[in-house]
Amino acid sequence: METLKFAPQPRAYQATEDGGWQGLIATMFFAVFGVLLLVVLSYRPVSEMGSAGMVFPFSMTEDDILQQVGAAGGRVVRFGGFGHLAVVVNDDGSMPEADAMGALFALSPLITSACFDADDVNNAF
């Protein structure tokens, strides 16, 4: 019976401050960072392929790209649909470097396989 003598007393309501969007912003940051890291790691060129898809500056024409790549000891296998994307191989069989070819960066050639001419009716796949 002694337990019934001491009834629990109600406490005063204590308001807690909510962080609002702080948790959501951090979660979104990590999600975007994770997706970008996944893209970078999975779409980089692999040396076993022997070729690399390269993104050249938008100011370069296809003729400029051909001259730049040829001067660096490589050749263009094919261009992408917008002219500044190209799949490049070295004549000596080594992995092409983006800096040596004058490109902004290199990707896996599998990514550039989706690049086809805008007026082309055939699917790239």
Protein backbone atom coordinates (compact mmCIF):
# COMPACT_ATOMS: atom_id res chain seq x y z
CA MET A 1 0.00 0.00 0.00
CA GLU A 2 2.91 2.30 0.45
CA THR A 3 3.45 2.57 -3.28
CA LEU A 4 0.02 4.04 -3.72
CA LYS A 5 0.76 6.84 -1.26
CA PHE A 6 3.36 8.35 -3.49
CA ALA A 7 1.55 9.05 -6.72
CA PRO A 8 3.70 10.43 -9.52
CA GLN A 9 3.58 14.18 -9.74
CA PRO A 10 3.08 15.77 -13.14
CA ARG A 11 6.08 17.69 -14.39
CA ALA A 12 5.99 21.05 -16.00
CA TYR A 13 6.30 20.89 -19.80
CA GLN A 14 9.81 21.74 -20.91
CA ALA A 15 10.02 22.99 -24.44
CA THR A 16 12.94 21.68 -26.46
CA GLU A 17 14.44 23.60 -29.30
CA ASP A 18 14.31 21.81 -32.60
CA GLY A 19 17.28 22.13 -34.92
CA GLY A 20 14.97 22.68 -37.84
CA TRP A 21 16.65 21.98 -41.16
CA GLN A 22 20.12 21.32 -39.72
CA GLY A 23 19.77 17.55 -39.75
CA LEU A 24 18.25 17.54 -43.21
CA ILE A 25 21.00 19.71 -44.67
CA ALA A 26 23.73 17.43 -43.31
CA THR A 27 21.92 14.36 -44.62
CA MET A 28 21.51 15.91 -48.07
CA PHE A 29 25.19 16.91 -48.10
CA PHE A 30 26.30 13.35 -47.38
CA ALA A 31 23.89 11.94 -49.96
CA VAL A 32 25.12 14.28 -52.71
CA PHE A 33 28.75 13.68 -51.72
CA GLY A 34 28.20 9.91 -51.80
CA VAL A 35 26.61 9.99 -55.25
CA LEU A 36 29.40 12.17 -56.63
CA LEU A 37 32.02 9.88 -55.15
CA LEU A 38 30.27 6.88 -56.68
CA VAL A 39 30.21 8.56 -60.10
CA VAL A 40 33.88 9.53 -59.91
CA LEU A 41 35.00 6.08 -58.81
CA SER A 42 32.88 4.08 -61.22
CA TYR A 43 33.22 6.20 -64.37
CA ARG A 44 36.97 6.80 -64.36
CA PRO A 45 38.93 5.19 -67.19
CA VAL A 46 40.35 1.73 -66.57
CA SER A 47 43.77 0.86 -67.96
CA GLU A 48 42.57 -2.54 -69.25
CA MET A 49 40.29 -0.79 -71.73
CA GLY A 50 43.19 1.00 -73.42
CA SER A 51 41.02 3.95 -74.36
CA ALA A 52 39.50 6.86 -72.52
CA GLY A 53 36.54 9.11 -73.14
CA MET A 54 37.68 12.71 -72.94
CA VAL A 55 35.88 15.98 -72.53
CA PHE A 56 37.59 18.79 -74.40
CA PRO A 57 37.07 22.54 -73.95
CA PHE A 58 33.90 23.80 -75.59
CA SER A 59 35.89 26.29 -77.65
CA MET A 60 37.70 23.51 -79.54
CA THR A 61 36.27 22.23 -82.80
CA GLU A 62 36.55 18.62 -83.94
CA ASP A 63 39.48 19.58 -86.20
CA ASP A 64 41.27 21.21 -83.27
CA ILE A 65 40.72 18.09 -81.19
CA LEU A 66 42.08 15.86 -83.97
CA GLN A 67 45.20 18.04 -84.27
CA GLN A 68 45.73 18.17 -80.49
CA VAL A 69 45.33 14.42 -80.03
CA GLY A 70 47.51 13.63 -83.07
CA ALA A 71 50.27 15.90 -81.81
CA ALA A 72 50.20 14.08 -78.45
CA GLY A 73 50.67 10.67 -80.12
CA GLY A 74 47.10 9.44 -80.06
CA ARG A 75 44.10 9.08 -82.29
CA VAL A 76 40.38 9.68 -81.97
CA VAL A 77 38.31 6.51 -82.21
CA ARG A 78 35.02 8.39 -82.40
CA PHE A 79 33.40 11.63 -81.40
CA GLY A 80 30.43 12.10 -79.14
CA GLY A 81 27.22 13.76 -80.19
CA PHE A 82 28.20 17.31 -79.28
CA GLY A 83 31.70 17.57 -80.75
CA HIS A 84 33.65 18.13 -77.54
CA LEU A 85 33.43 14.49 -76.39
CA ALA A 86 35.77 11.92 -77.93
CA VAL A 87 37.07 8.42 -77.28
CA VAL A 88 40.85 8.55 -77.56
CA VAL A 89 43.56 5.86 -77.74
CA ASN A 90 47.34 6.16 -77.75
CA ASP A 91 49.22 4.72 -80.71
CA ASP A 92 51.68 2.96 -78.39
CA GLY A 93 48.88 1.17 -76.50
CA SER A 94 49.34 3.02 -73.22
CA MET A 95 46.54 4.72 -71.35
CA PRO A 96 45.90 8.24 -72.68
CA GLU A 97 46.26 11.10 -70.21
CA ALA A 98 43.84 14.03 -70.29
CA ASP A 99 46.55 16.65 -69.74
CA ALA A 100 48.69 15.36 -72.59
CA MET A 101 45.74 15.40 -75.00
CA GLY A 102 44.55 18.88 -74.00
CA ALA A 103 41.30 17.60 -72.50
CA LEU A 104 39.57 18.92 -69.40
CA PHE A 105 39.17 15.44 -67.89
CA ALA A 106 38.87 11.78 -68.83
CA LEU A 107 36.01 9.34 -68.30
CA SER A 108 35.33 5.72 -69.00
CA PRO A 109 34.58 5.16 -72.70
CA LEU A 110 31.43 3.33 -71.58
CA ILE A 111 29.98 6.66 -70.46
CA THR A 112 30.71 8.31 -73.79
CA SER A 113 29.05 5.40 -75.61
CA ALA A 114 25.74 7.04 -74.74
CA CYS A 115 26.78 10.14 -76.71
CA PHE A 116 25.30 10.02 -80.17
CA ASP A 117 24.41 12.62 -82.75
CA ALA A 118 21.36 14.64 -81.86
CA ASP A 119 19.90 14.22 -85.39
CA ASP A 120 20.73 10.52 -85.54
CA VAL A 121 17.69 8.24 -85.54
CA ASN A 122 19.65 5.18 -84.38
CA ASN A 123 19.96 4.42 -80.71
CA ALA A 124 23.54 4.42 -79.39
CA PHE A 125 22.89 1.15 -77.54
